[in-house]
Protein backbone atom coordinates (compact mmCIF):
# COMPACT_ATOMS: atom_id res chain seq x y z
CA UNK A 1 -4.58 20.87 -0.20
CA UNK A 2 -7.48 19.69 -2.52
CA UNK A 3 -10.72 19.33 -1.09
CA UNK A 4 -14.42 18.86 -2.66
CA UNK A 5 -17.80 17.50 -1.75
CA UNK A 6 -18.80 14.15 -2.78
CA UNK A 7 -22.36 13.55 -3.84
CA UNK A 8 -23.51 9.90 -2.86
CA UNK A 9 -27.24 9.08 -3.40
CA UNK A 10 -28.43 6.64 -0.85
CA UNK A 11 -31.89 4.91 -0.85
CA UNK A 12 -34.20 3.68 1.74
CA UNK A 13 -33.67 0.10 2.56
CA UNK A 14 -30.34 -0.31 1.01
CA UNK A 15 -27.64 -1.44 3.60
CA UNK A 16 -24.73 0.75 4.27
CA UNK A 17 -21.48 -0.03 2.06
CA UNK A 18 -18.63 -0.12 4.40
CA UNK A 19 -16.14 1.63 1.93
CA UNK A 20 -13.74 4.82 2.04
CA UNK A 21 -15.95 6.19 -0.49
CA UNK A 22 -19.31 6.15 1.38
CA UNK A 23 -20.74 9.25 2.81
CA UNK A 24 -21.91 8.96 6.40
CA UNK A 25 -25.31 9.85 7.29
CA UNK A 26 -25.17 13.07 9.37
CA UNK A 27 -28.78 13.76 9.71
CA UNK A 28 -30.63 13.12 13.12
CA UNK A 29 -34.12 12.30 11.29
CA UNK A 30 -34.66 9.11 12.83
CA UNK A 31 -37.23 8.96 15.47
CA UNK A 32 -36.29 7.68 19.01
CA UNK A 33 -37.86 3.97 19.45
CA UNK A 34 -38.21 3.36 15.76
CA UNK A 35 -37.29 -0.19 15.02
CA UNK A 36 -34.72 0.28 12.37
CA UNK A 37 -32.93 -2.73 10.39
CA UNK A 38 -30.17 -3.35 12.78
CA UNK A 39 -27.25 -5.53 11.33
CA UNK A 40 -26.33 -8.21 13.50
CA UNK A 41 -29.62 -8.70 14.99
CA UNK A 42 -28.85 -6.74 17.71
CA UNK A 43 -31.74 -5.54 19.91
CA UNK A 44 -29.72 -2.96 22.34
CA UNK A 45 -26.26 -1.56 22.00
CA UNK A 46 -25.52 -3.40 25.31
CA UNK A 47 -25.52 -6.77 23.39
CA UNK A 48 -22.64 -5.56 20.95
CA UNK A 49 -19.57 -7.34 21.67
CA UNK A 50 -20.52 -7.44 25.27
CA UNK A 51 -17.92 -9.85 26.48
CA UNK A 52 -15.33 -7.49 25.15
CA UNK A 53 -16.49 -4.19 26.92
CA UNK A 54 -14.10 -3.48 29.58
CA UNK A 55 -15.32 0.06 30.34
CA UNK A 56 -18.46 2.11 29.96
CA UNK A 57 -19.57 5.37 30.80
CA UNK A 58 -23.32 6.25 29.86
CA UNK A 59 -23.18 9.73 31.93
CA UNK A 60 -26.72 9.23 33.16
CA UNK A 61 -26.63 11.70 36.19
CA UNK A 62 -23.30 9.54 37.28
CA UNK A 63 -19.75 10.38 36.01
CA UNK A 64 -18.49 7.09 37.35
CA UNK A 65 -17.31 4.29 34.82
CA UNK A 66 -20.38 1.98 35.43
CA UNK A 67 -18.62 -1.30 35.18
CA UNK A 68 -16.16 -0.62 38.19
CA UNK A 69 -18.03 2.20 39.57
CA UNK A 70 -14.79 4.33 39.47
CA UNK A 71 -15.54 7.64 40.17
CA UNK A 72 -13.59 10.80 38.87
CA UNK A 73 -10.98 12.02 41.32
CA UNK A 74 -10.96 15.54 39.85
CA UNK A 75 -14.02 16.85 38.23
CA UNK A 76 -13.63 20.55 36.51
CA UNK A 77 -16.38 22.32 34.94
CA UNK A 78 -18.55 19.62 34.32
CA UNK A 79 -22.38 19.47 34.09
CA UNK A 80 -25.05 17.32 32.15
CA UNK A 81 -27.03 17.92 29.28
CA UNK A 82 -29.90 15.80 27.22
CA UNK A 83 -27.71 13.25 25.37
CA UNK A 84 -28.28 10.81 22.60
CA UNK A 85 -29.36 8.23 25.31
CA UNK A 86 -30.41 9.92 28.42
CA UNK A 87 -27.90 12.46 30.03
CA UNK A 88 -24.45 13.44 28.22
CA UNK A 89 -21.45 14.84 29.89
CA UNK A 90 -20.95 18.55 29.06
CA UNK A 91 -17.59 20.12 29.92
CA UNK A 92 -17.02 24.00 29.80
CA UNK A 93 -13.24 24.16 29.39
CA UNK A 94 -13.04 21.11 31.71
CA UNK A 95 -12.26 17.68 32.34
CA UNK A 96 -12.49 14.41 34.32
CA UNK A 97 -9.44 12.49 35.94
CA UNK A 98 -9.88 9.16 37.13
CA UNK A 99 -8.00 6.83 39.12
CA UNK A 100 -6.54 3.58 37.91
CA UNK A 101 -9.64 1.37 36.41
CA UNK A 102 -8.36 -2.42 36.73
CA UNK A 103 -9.75 -3.64 33.44
CA UNK A 104 -7.87 -0.64 31.74
CA UNK A 105 -4.41 -1.72 33.61
CA UNK A 106 -2.87 -4.70 32.66
CA UNK A 107 -0.10 -5.09 29.69
CA UNK A 108 -2.33 -7.13 27.36
CA UNK A 109 -5.62 -5.41 28.40
CA UNK A 110 -5.78 -3.52 24.81
CA UNK A 111 -4.07 -5.89 22.59
CA UNK A 112 -6.29 -4.79 20.06
CA UNK A 113 -9.12 -2.32 20.77
CA UNK A 114 -11.83 0.12 20.01
CA UNK A 115 -13.13 3.14 21.69
CA UNK A 116 -16.73 4.34 20.82
CA UNK A 117 -18.50 7.57 22.07
CA UNK A 118 -20.85 10.16 20.84
CA UNK A 119 -19.61 13.84 20.56
CA UNK A 120 -20.79 17.41 20.17
CA UNK A 121 -18.53 20.09 19.06
CA UNK A 122 -17.41 22.47 16.41
CA UNK A 123 -14.27 24.29 15.05
CA UNK A 124 -13.18 26.92 17.90
CA UNK A 125 -10.03 28.66 16.07
CA UNK A 126 -7.72 27.91 18.72
CA UNK A 127 -7.69 24.48 20.60
CA UNK A 128 -7.77 20.61 20.06
CA UNK A 129 -10.73 18.96 21.54
CA UNK A 130 -9.74 15.88 23.12
CA UNK A 131 -12.38 13.40 24.45
CA UNK A 132 -10.67 10.32 25.56
CA UNK A 133 -7.13 9.57 27.01
CA UNK A 134 -5.79 6.48 28.32
CA UNK A 135 -2.09 7.48 29.82
CA UNK A 136 0.27 6.13 32.38
CA UNK A 137 -0.58 7.29 35.79
CA UNK A 138 0.05 10.84 36.77
CA UNK A 139 3.41 10.20 38.49
CA UNK A 140 4.93 8.20 35.48
CA UNK A 141 3.61 9.87 32.30
CA UNK A 142 6.15 12.12 30.44
CA UNK A 143 4.21 12.46 26.87
CA UNK A 144 0.84 14.21 26.01
CA UNK A 145 0.73 11.51 23.19
CA UNK A 146 0.01 8.73 25.79
CA UNK A 147 -1.49 5.27 24.94
CA UNK A 148 -4.83 6.17 23.65
CA UNK A 149 -5.83 9.71 22.53
CA UNK A 150 -9.08 10.35 20.65
CA UNK A 151 -10.13 13.78 19.64
CA UNK A 152 -10.85 16.12 17.01
CA UNK A 153 -8.67 18.78 15.43
CA UNK A 154 -10.99 21.67 16.35
CA UNK A 155 -8.24 24.31 16.57
CA UNK A 156 -9.43 25.28 12.86
CA UNK A 157 -10.93 28.47 11.77
CA UNK A 158 -14.87 28.57 12.79
CA UNK A 159 -15.35 29.15 9.33
CA UNK A 160 -14.07 25.81 8.51
CA UNK A 161 -17.03 23.53 7.50
CA UNK A 162 -15.43 20.14 8.33
CA UNK A 163 -13.99 18.49 11.48
CA UNK A 164 -10.69 16.63 11.46
CA UNK A 165 -11.02 13.52 13.46
CA UNK A 166 -7.43 12.38 14.90
CA UNK A 167 -6.50 9.77 17.20
CA UNK A 168 -3.22 8.19 18.49
CA UNK A 169 -2.04 5.09 19.72
CA UNK A 170 0.96 3.81 21.54
CA UNK A 171 2.73 0.71 22.31
CA UNK A 172 5.32 -0.20 24.89
CA UNK A 173 6.67 -3.58 24.03
CA UNK A 174 9.98 -4.17 26.33
CA UNK A 175 9.24 -0.78 27.72
CA UNK A 176 10.38 0.94 24.39
CA UNK A 177 7.48 3.40 23.17
CA UNK A 178 6.25 3.37 19.60
CA UNK A 179 3.34 5.32 18.13
CA UNK A 180 0.81 5.67 15.15
CA UNK A 181 -1.89 7.71 14.49
CA UNK A 182 -4.63 8.35 11.62
CA UNK A 183 -6.62 11.43 10.70
CA UNK A 184 -9.14 12.15 8.25
CA UNK A 185 -7.18 14.92 6.39
CA UNK A 186 -4.30 15.18 3.98
CA UNK A 187 -4.61 14.09 0.20
CA UNK A 188 -7.85 13.68 -1.69
CA UNK A 189 -11.12 13.58 -0.08
CA UNK A 190 -13.36 10.78 -1.23
CA UNK A 191 -10.06 8.71 -2.14
CA UNK A 192 -7.86 9.10 0.70
CA UNK A 193 -10.42 9.79 3.46
CA UNK A 194 -13.73 11.21 4.06
CA UNK A 195 -14.74 14.30 5.53
CA UNK A 196 -17.09 15.03 8.70
CA UNK A 197 -18.92 18.34 8.63
CA UNK A 198 -18.81 20.62 11.44
CA UNK A 199 -22.47 21.22 12.65
CA UNK A 200 -22.44 20.82 16.13
CA UNK A 201 -24.72 17.82 15.98
CA UNK A 202 -24.13 14.59 17.77
CA UNK A 203 -21.67 12.54 15.73
CA UNK A 204 -20.99 8.68 16.54
CA UNK A 205 -16.89 8.32 16.73
CA UNK A 206 -15.21 5.08 16.88
CA UNK A 207 -11.56 4.44 17.02
CA UNK A 208 -10.45 0.95 15.97
CA UNK A 209 -6.99 -0.65 16.22
CA UNK A 210 -6.71 -4.28 14.78
CA UNK A 211 -3.44 -5.99 16.01
CA UNK A 212 -3.99 -8.90 13.51
CA UNK A 213 -4.05 -6.60 10.31
CA UNK A 214 -1.68 -3.70 12.17
CA UNK A 215 -4.47 -1.25 11.10
CA UNK A 216 -5.84 1.87 12.93
CA UNK A 217 -9.16 3.44 11.63
CA UNK A 218 -11.67 6.15 12.58
CA UNK A 219 -15.35 5.80 11.78
CA UNK A 220 -17.95 8.70 11.88
CA UNK A 221 -21.61 7.62 11.99
CA UNK A 222 -20.75 4.21 11.18
CA UNK A 223 -18.70 5.10 7.91
CA UNK A 224 -14.77 4.92 7.85
CA UNK A 225 -13.38 8.21 7.27
CA UNK A 226 -9.78 7.49 8.14
CA UNK A 227 -7.06 8.09 5.82
CA UNK A 228 -5.79 5.32 3.77
CA UNK A 229 -2.27 6.62 3.52
CA UNK A 230 -2.06 6.04 7.31
CA UNK A 231 -3.94 2.76 8.15
CA UNK A 232 -1.29 0.16 8.00
CA UNK A 233 1.29 -0.03 10.77
CA UNK A 234 3.31 -2.71 9.78
CA UNK A 235 5.34 -4.01 12.65
CA UNK A 236 3.43 -2.08 15.24
CA UNK A 237 1.64 -5.58 16.76
CA UNK A 238 -0.66 -6.05 19.58
CA UNK A 239 -0.73 -3.02 22.01
CA UNK A 240 1.52 -3.47 25.50
CA UNK A 241 0.43 -1.01 28.04
CA UNK A 242 2.75 0.33 30.52
CA UNK A 243 0.88 -0.01 34.03
CA UNK A 244 -0.55 1.28 36.18
CA UNK A 245 -2.98 3.48 33.75
CA UNK A 246 -5.37 6.27 34.27
CA UNK A 247 -8.23 7.82 32.17
CA UNK A 248 -8.81 11.48 31.24
CA UNK A 249 -11.97 12.86 29.59
CA UNK A 250 -11.49 16.27 28.07
CA UNK A 251 -7.91 16.68 28.27
CA UNK A 252 -4.34 15.45 27.28
CA UNK A 253 -2.25 14.04 29.81
CA UNK A 254 -0.27 17.07 30.36
CA UNK A 255 0.75 19.17 33.36
CA UNK A 256 -2.49 21.12 33.16
CA UNK A 257 -4.41 17.92 34.18
CA UNK A 258 -2.13 16.73 36.81
CA UNK A 259 0.42 14.81 34.77
CA UNK A 260 3.26 16.68 36.12
CA UNK A 261 6.18 15.30 33.98
CA UNK A 262 4.37 15.77 30.71
CA UNK A 263 4.50 19.30 28.77
CA UNK A 264 1.59 21.58 27.76
CA UNK A 265 1.43 22.35 23.82
CA UNK A 266 0.25 25.65 22.50
CA UNK A 267 -2.99 23.56 21.11
CA UNK A 268 -3.62 21.88 24.24
CA UNK A 269 -6.77 22.81 26.33
CA UNK A 270 -9.82 21.38 28.11
CA UNK A 271 -12.63 20.48 26.27
CA UNK A 272 -15.56 22.82 25.46
CA UNK A 273 -18.15 20.30 24.23
CA UNK A 274 -20.30 17.15 25.39
CA UNK A 275 -19.70 13.51 24.93
CA UNK A 276 -21.88 10.46 25.57
CA UNK A 277 -22.00 6.55 25.62
CA UNK A 278 -18.13 6.12 25.77
CA UNK A 279 -17.20 2.40 25.63
CA UNK A 280 -13.70 0.68 25.64
CA UNK A 281 -13.44 -2.62 24.03
CA UNK A 282 -10.52 -5.08 23.80
CA UNK A 283 -11.23 -6.11 20.13
CA UNK A 284 -11.47 -4.71 16.97
CA UNK A 285 -15.20 -4.20 16.20
CA UNK A 286 -16.38 -5.41 13.03
CA UNK A 287 -18.12 -2.84 10.60
CA UNK A 288 -21.27 -4.53 11.60
CA UNK A 289 -20.93 -3.90 15.10
CA UNK A 290 -19.80 -0.49 14.73
CA UNK A 291 -23.14 0.02 12.46
CA UNK A 292 -25.22 -1.44 14.93
CA UNK A 293 -23.95 0.46 17.99
CA UNK A 294 -24.55 3.89 15.78
CA UNK A 295 -27.88 2.78 14.88
CA UNK A 296 -29.05 1.54 18.19
CA UNK A 297 -27.79 4.37 20.37
CA UNK A 298 -29.13 6.96 17.83
CA UNK A 299 -32.50 5.06 18.64
CA UNK A 300 -32.03 5.28 22.33
CA UNK A 301 -31.48 1.79 22.76
């Protein structure tokens, strides 16, 4: 696979161009509280697509999903650390398993959807880093590629300077399962996809599925990094959920995380890393909304 670094020159005050050939800002040079130019006129991150926000975890000394006050039923090896906004969830080969969250458990709840979170991990040479999983409930799920999987291919060598974001989605029209995925790898960097450095810094990660255009995309620090070859999922249509569902943070939906009918693969493990500001929307966020979330949350707003 051919890989090389792009050199992109940016200038202060110039708006970000949302194209596959724009390099993301991976610095953390913005001082908390500074009023940056935020597209869309948003003042706080809570204003972004607020009517479409179905679930939210802020992890501020609390592991419950805040909109429903749903607490985890299994809490394994978790703690708190300083996050992008207040506290963040840290998992040391751990995971959180939640009971059914009603807003995420109806057939048409996520026809189009976006999941936004901040993470901090590095390549570990052994296991995939899974952040967010939406699956059928533990008594019904039979596959670790469940409804929404959002993670990073950190099983690469620790000497690898880049992370491969990877997400899968599934739909069950008529009860028949169909899947699609996207990853920022394969092909020519800068043409087919963009690289994300493995630095251990906080990175803003958004998965977006648009049922109208039947496209699945990944964003890192507000720039689309997903592979152009895998974007279009002709015939996929709106996501239809099998219900009831459950959420797992830090693990796949497999037997190791109490999904007793789903096998464990060699690259599966529990998360060694951190996450913060996890949001699930029932819409495909616009580029402007994704940029606003990134800038505002980085500002602590």
